[in-house]
């Protein structure tokens, strides 16, 4: 079972660059390769705060 619903995933966007996000494990990853922030999902709730995001290895 996915940690969040497909309906919610369809409306979420990266708060930094406004690009869509994709589910990877228990995180949401920005699909914009130049941004590439990774947002955690805690207790089934996406934490879409730039301050809580981590950079992917691709964007370091």
PDB file of N, CA and C in Angstrom:
ATOM      1  N   UNK A   1       0.835  -1.193   0.000  1.00  0.00           N
ATOM      2  CA  UNK A   1       0.000   0.000   0.000  1.00  0.00           C
ATOM      3  C   UNK A   1       0.877   1.252   0.000  1.00  0.00           C
ATOM      4  N   UNK A   2       0.544   2.202  -0.852  1.00  0.00           N
ATOM      5  CA  UNK A   2       1.300   3.455  -0.928  1.00  0.00           C
ATOM      6  C   UNK A   2       1.067   4.291   0.324  1.00  0.00           C
ATOM      7  N   UNK A   3       2.100   5.047   0.740  1.00  0.00           N
ATOM      8  CA  UNK A   3       1.943   5.885   1.927  1.00  0.00           C
ATOM      9  C   UNK A   3       0.967   7.048   1.729  1.00  0.00           C
ATOM     10  N   UNK A   4       0.698   7.441   0.473  1.00  0.00           N
ATOM     11  CA  UNK A   4      -0.303   8.479   0.191  1.00  0.00           C
ATOM     12  C   UNK A   4      -1.136   8.050  -1.009  1.00  0.00           C
ATOM     13  N   UNK A   5      -2.323   8.624  -1.131  1.00  0.00           N
ATOM     14  CA  UNK A   5      -3.225   8.241  -2.222  1.00  0.00           C
ATOM     15  C   UNK A   5      -2.755   8.821  -3.560  1.00  0.00           C
ATOM     16  N   UNK A   6      -3.162   8.161  -4.622  1.00  0.00           N
ATOM     17  CA  UNK A   6      -2.832   8.639  -5.973  1.00  0.00           C
ATOM     18  C   UNK A   6      -3.484   9.997  -6.239  1.00  0.00           C
ATOM     19  N   UNK A   7      -4.680  10.213  -5.688  1.00  0.00           N
ATOM     20  CA  UNK A   7      -5.369  11.493  -5.872  1.00  0.00           C
ATOM     21  C   UNK A   7      -4.554  12.633  -5.268  1.00  0.00           C
ATOM     22  N   UNK A   8      -4.024  12.424  -4.062  1.00  0.00           N
ATOM     23  CA  UNK A   8      -3.209  13.449  -3.416  1.00  0.00           C
ATOM     24  C   UNK A   8      -1.914  13.662  -4.192  1.00  0.00           C
ATOM     25  N   UNK A   9      -1.296  12.582  -4.620  1.00  0.00           N
ATOM     26  CA  UNK A   9      -0.051  12.681  -5.385  1.00  0.00           C
ATOM     27  C   UNK A   9      -0.251  13.503  -6.661  1.00  0.00           C
ATOM     28  N   UNK A  10      -1.414  13.377  -7.281  1.00  0.00           N
ATOM     29  CA  UNK A  10      -1.698  14.116  -8.519  1.00  0.00           C
ATOM     30  C   UNK A  10      -1.801  15.621  -8.323  1.00  0.00           C
ATOM     31  N   UNK A  11      -2.101  16.081  -7.107  1.00  0.00           N
ATOM     32  CA  UNK A  11      -2.248  17.528  -6.898  1.00  0.00           C
ATOM     33  C   UNK A  11      -1.055  18.157  -6.189  1.00  0.00           C
ATOM     34  N   UNK A  12      -0.160  17.341  -5.647  1.00  0.00           N
ATOM     35  CA  UNK A  12       1.003  17.891  -4.952  1.00  0.00           C
ATOM     36  C   UNK A  12       2.043  18.400  -5.941  1.00  0.00           C
ATOM     37  N   UNK A  13       2.747  19.453  -5.548  1.00  0.00           N
ATOM     38  CA  UNK A  13       3.829  20.014  -6.357  1.00  0.00           C
ATOM     39  C   UNK A  13       4.939  20.476  -5.428  1.00  0.00           C
ATOM     40  N   UNK A  14       6.133  20.518  -5.947  1.00  0.00           N
ATOM     41  CA  UNK A  14       7.276  21.009  -5.189  1.00  0.00           C
ATOM     42  C   UNK A  14       7.020  22.476  -4.835  1.00  0.00           C
ATOM     43  N   UNK A  15       7.097  22.843  -3.555  1.00  0.00           N
ATOM     44  CA  UNK A  15       6.857  24.240  -3.190  1.00  0.00           C
ATOM     45  C   UNK A  15       7.946  25.195  -3.671  1.00  0.00           C
ATOM     46  N   UNK A  16       9.120  24.676  -3.991  1.00  0.00           N
ATOM     47  CA  UNK A  16      10.211  25.541  -4.449  1.00  0.00           C
ATOM     48  C   UNK A  16      10.067  25.905  -5.924  1.00  0.00           C
ATOM     49  N   UNK A  17       9.866  24.895  -6.787  1.00  0.00           N
ATOM     50  CA  UNK A  17       9.849  25.155  -8.233  1.00  0.00           C
ATOM     51  C   UNK A  17       8.488  24.914  -8.889  1.00  0.00           C
ATOM     52  N   UNK A  18       7.523  24.425  -8.119  1.00  0.00           N
ATOM     53  CA  UNK A  18       6.139  24.197  -8.590  1.00  0.00           C
ATOM     54  C   UNK A  18       6.008  23.063  -9.601  1.00  0.00           C
ATOM     55  N   UNK A  19       7.008  22.187  -9.675  1.00  0.00           N
ATOM     56  CA  UNK A  19       6.969  21.027 -10.560  1.00  0.00           C
ATOM     57  C   UNK A  19       6.314  19.855  -9.826  1.00  0.00           C
ATOM     58  N   UNK A  20       5.803  18.890 -10.568  1.00  0.00           N
ATOM     59  CA  UNK A  20       5.176  17.725  -9.950  1.00  0.00           C
ATOM     60  C   UNK A  20       6.203  16.913  -9.161  1.00  0.00           C
ATOM     61  N   UNK A  21       5.691  16.073  -8.273  1.00  0.00           N
ATOM     62  CA  UNK A  21       6.547  15.193  -7.480  1.00  0.00           C
ATOM     63  C   UNK A  21       6.154  13.751  -7.761  1.00  0.00           C
ATOM     64  N   UNK A  22       7.099  12.838  -7.523  1.00  0.00           N
ATOM     65  CA  UNK A  22       6.805  11.415  -7.689  1.00  0.00           C
ATOM     66  C   UNK A  22       7.136  10.700  -6.385  1.00  0.00           C
ATOM     67  N   UNK A  23       6.430   9.615  -6.158  1.00  0.00           N
ATOM     68  CA  UNK A  23       6.610   8.821  -4.957  1.00  0.00           C
ATOM     69  C   UNK A  23       7.788   7.877  -5.132  1.00  0.00           C
ATOM     70  N   UNK A  24       8.732   7.926  -4.215  1.00  0.00           N
ATOM     71  CA  UNK A  24       9.867   6.993  -4.193  1.00  0.00           C
ATOM     72  C   UNK A  24      10.032   6.515  -2.762  1.00  0.00           C
ATOM     73  N   UNK A  25       9.598   5.284  -2.515  1.00  0.00           N
ATOM     74  CA  UNK A  25       9.658   4.750  -1.160  1.00  0.00           C
ATOM     75  C   UNK A  25       8.743   5.538  -0.248  1.00  0.00           C
ATOM     76  N   UNK A  26       9.306   6.086   0.815  1.00  0.00           N
ATOM     77  CA  UNK A  26       8.527   6.881   1.764  1.00  0.00           C
ATOM     78  C   UNK A  26       8.878   8.364   1.637  1.00  0.00           C
ATOM     79  N   UNK A  27       9.161   8.789   0.397  1.00  0.00           N
ATOM     80  CA  UNK A  27       9.481  10.193   0.132  1.00  0.00           C
ATOM     81  C   UNK A  27       8.796  10.640  -1.154  1.00  0.00           C
ATOM     82  N   UNK A  28       8.723  11.947  -1.324  1.00  0.00           N
ATOM     83  CA  UNK A  28       8.257  12.548  -2.569  1.00  0.00           C
ATOM     84  C   UNK A  28       9.428  13.289  -3.179  1.00  0.00           C
ATOM     85  N   UNK A  29       9.707  13.018  -4.443  1.00  0.00           N
ATOM     86  CA  UNK A  29      10.868  13.589  -5.123  1.00  0.00           C
ATOM     87  C   UNK A  29      10.392  14.529  -6.219  1.00  0.00           C
ATOM     88  N   UNK A  30      10.937  15.733  -6.233  1.00  0.00           N
ATOM     89  CA  UNK A  30      10.634  16.703  -7.281  1.00  0.00           C
ATOM     90  C   UNK A  30      11.127  16.149  -8.615  1.00  0.00           C
ATOM     91  N   UNK A  31      10.296  16.249  -9.650  1.00  0.00           N
ATOM     92  CA  UNK A  31      10.670  15.702 -10.960  1.00  0.00           C
ATOM     93  C   UNK A  31      11.517  16.657 -11.790  1.00  0.00           C
ATOM     94  N   UNK A  32      11.740  17.868 -11.304  1.00  0.00           N
ATOM     95  CA  UNK A  32      12.597  18.840 -11.986  1.00  0.00           C
ATOM     96  C   UNK A  32      14.045  18.506 -11.633  1.00  0.00           C
ATOM     97  N   UNK A  33      14.837  18.077 -12.600  1.00  0.00           N
ATOM     98  CA  UNK A  33      16.209  17.627 -12.323  1.00  0.00           C
ATOM     99  C   UNK A  33      17.103  18.732 -11.777  1.00  0.00           C
ATOM    100  N   UNK A  34      16.822  19.985 -12.088  1.00  0.00           N
ATOM    101  CA  UNK A  34      17.657  21.057 -11.549  1.00  0.00           C
ATOM    102  C   UNK A  34      17.276  21.412 -10.113  1.00  0.00           C
ATOM    103  N   UNK A  35      16.106  21.015  -9.672  1.00  0.00           N
ATOM    104  CA  UNK A  35      15.674  21.238  -8.286  1.00  0.00           C
ATOM    105  C   UNK A  35      15.929  19.960  -7.490  1.00  0.00           C
ATOM    106  N   UNK A  36      15.180  18.901  -7.807  1.00  0.00           N
ATOM    107  CA  UNK A  36      15.406  17.577  -7.247  1.00  0.00           C
ATOM    108  C   UNK A  36      15.293  17.437  -5.739  1.00  0.00           C
ATOM    109  N   UNK A  37      14.515  18.294  -5.081  1.00  0.00           N
ATOM    110  CA  UNK A  37      14.374  18.164  -3.635  1.00  0.00           C
ATOM    111  C   UNK A  37      13.560  16.924  -3.283  1.00  0.00           C
ATOM    112  N   UNK A  38      13.861  16.344  -2.128  1.00  0.00           N
ATOM    113  CA  UNK A  38      13.187  15.147  -1.640  1.00  0.00           C
ATOM    114  C   UNK A  38      12.456  15.514  -0.354  1.00  0.00           C
ATOM    115  N   UNK A  39      11.147  15.282  -0.348  1.00  0.00           N
ATOM    116  CA  UNK A  39      10.310  15.624   0.797  1.00  0.00           C
ATOM    117  C   UNK A  39       9.906  14.357   1.543  1.00  0.00           C
ATOM    118  N   UNK A  40      10.015  14.358   2.866  1.00  0.00           N
ATOM    119  CA  UNK A  40       9.654  13.168   3.636  1.00  0.00           C
ATOM    120  C   UNK A  40       8.139  13.007   3.752  1.00  0.00           C
ATOM    121  N   UNK A  41       7.724  11.775   3.992  1.00  0.00           N
ATOM    122  CA  UNK A  41       6.336  11.480   4.343  1.00  0.00           C
ATOM    123  C   UNK A  41       6.391  10.915   5.755  1.00  0.00           C
ATOM    124  N   UNK A  42       5.743  11.589   6.691  1.00  0.00           N
ATOM    125  CA  UNK A  42       5.762  11.164   8.095  1.00  0.00           C
ATOM    126  C   UNK A  42       4.352  10.809   8.542  1.00  0.00           C
ATOM    127  N   UNK A  43       4.190   9.588   9.015  1.00  0.00           N
ATOM    128  CA  UNK A  43       2.875   9.118   9.479  1.00  0.00           C
ATOM    129  C   UNK A  43       1.804   9.300   8.410  1.00  0.00           C
ATOM    130  N   UNK A  44       2.177   9.064   7.146  1.00  0.00           N
ATOM    131  CA  UNK A  44       1.241   9.170   6.038  1.00  0.00           C
ATOM    132  C   UNK A  44       0.966  10.585   5.570  1.00  0.00           C
ATOM    133  N   UNK A  45       1.690  11.570   6.129  1.00  0.00           N
ATOM    134  CA  UNK A  45       1.468  12.976   5.778  1.00  0.00           C
ATOM    135  C   UNK A  45       2.703  13.529   5.072  1.00  0.00           C
ATOM    136  N   UNK A  46       2.550  14.002   3.824  1.00  0.00           N
ATOM    137  CA  UNK A  46       3.688  14.601   3.128  1.00  0.00           C
ATOM    138  C   UNK A  46       4.098  15.907   3.809  1.00  0.00           C
ATOM    139  N   UNK A  47       5.382  16.045   4.086  1.00  0.00           N
ATOM    140  CA  UNK A  47       5.905  17.266   4.701  1.00  0.00           C
ATOM    141  C   UNK A  47       6.496  18.104   3.569  1.00  0.00           C
ATOM    142  N   UNK A  48       5.673  18.988   3.027  1.00  0.00           N
ATOM    143  CA  UNK A  48       6.054  19.765   1.843  1.00  0.00           C
ATOM    144  C   UNK A  48       6.622  21.127   2.244  1.00  0.00           C
ATOM    145  N   UNK A  49       7.613  21.103   3.101  1.00  0.00           N
ATOM    146  CA  UNK A  49       8.293  22.316   3.546  1.00  0.00           C
ATOM    147  C   UNK A  49       9.706  22.309   2.989  1.00  0.00           C
ATOM    148  N   UNK A  50      10.113  23.389   2.358  1.00  0.00           N
ATOM    149  CA  UNK A  50      11.451  23.467   1.770  1.00  0.00           C
ATOM    150  C   UNK A  50      12.509  23.228   2.841  1.00  0.00           C
ATOM    151  N   UNK A  51      12.263  23.728   4.057  1.00  0.00           N
ATOM    152  CA  UNK A  51      13.226  23.570   5.151  1.00  0.00           C
ATOM    153  C   UNK A  51      13.412  22.107   5.564  1.00  0.00           C
ATOM    154  N   UNK A  52      12.423  21.267   5.304  1.00  0.00           N
ATOM    155  CA  UNK A  52      12.478  19.850   5.668  1.00  0.00           C
ATOM    156  C   UNK A  52      13.009  18.978   4.529  1.00  0.00           C
ATOM    157  N   UNK A  53      13.132  19.535   3.345  1.00  0.00           N
ATOM    158  CA  UNK A  53      13.550  18.769   2.170  1.00  0.00           C
ATOM    159  C   UNK A  53      15.054  18.539   2.172  1.00  0.00           C
ATOM    160  N   UNK A  54      15.445  17.488   1.465  1.00  0.00           N
ATOM    161  CA  UNK A  54      16.862  17.186   1.262  1.00  0.00           C
ATOM    162  C   UNK A  54      17.139  17.208  -0.229  1.00  0.00           C
ATOM    163  N   UNK A  55      18.379  17.480  -0.590  1.00  0.00           N
ATOM    164  CA  UNK A  55      18.767  17.447  -2.001  1.00  0.00           C
ATOM    165  C   UNK A  55      19.066  16.004  -2.402  1.00  0.00           C
ATOM    166  N   UNK A  56      18.760  15.667  -3.647  1.00  0.00           N
ATOM    167  CA  UNK A  56      19.110  14.344  -4.155  1.00  0.00           C
ATOM    168  C   UNK A  56      20.584  14.329  -4.528  1.00  0.00           C
ATOM    169  N   UNK A  57      21.124  13.156  -4.700  1.00  0.00           N
ATOM    170  CA  UNK A  57      22.529  13.025  -5.095  1.00  0.00           C
ATOM    171  C   UNK A  57      22.776  13.697  -6.445  1.00  0.00           C
ATOM    172  N   UNK A  58      21.746  13.743  -7.295  1.00  0.00           N
ATOM    173  CA  UNK A  58      21.876  14.349  -8.625  1.00  0.00           C
ATOM    174  C   UNK A  58      22.077  15.859  -8.549  1.00  0.00           C
ATOM    175  N   UNK A  59      21.539  16.498  -7.497  1.00  0.00           N
ATOM    176  CA  UNK A  59      21.591  17.956  -7.419  1.00  0.00           C
ATOM    177  C   UNK A  59      22.672  18.466  -6.490  1.00  0.00           C
ATOM    178  N   UNK A  60      23.457  17.587  -5.881  1.00  0.00           N
ATOM    179  CA  UNK A  60      24.528  18.028  -4.976  1.00  0.00           C
ATOM    180  C   UNK A  60      25.727  18.523  -5.747  1.00  0.00           C
TER     181      UNK A  60
END
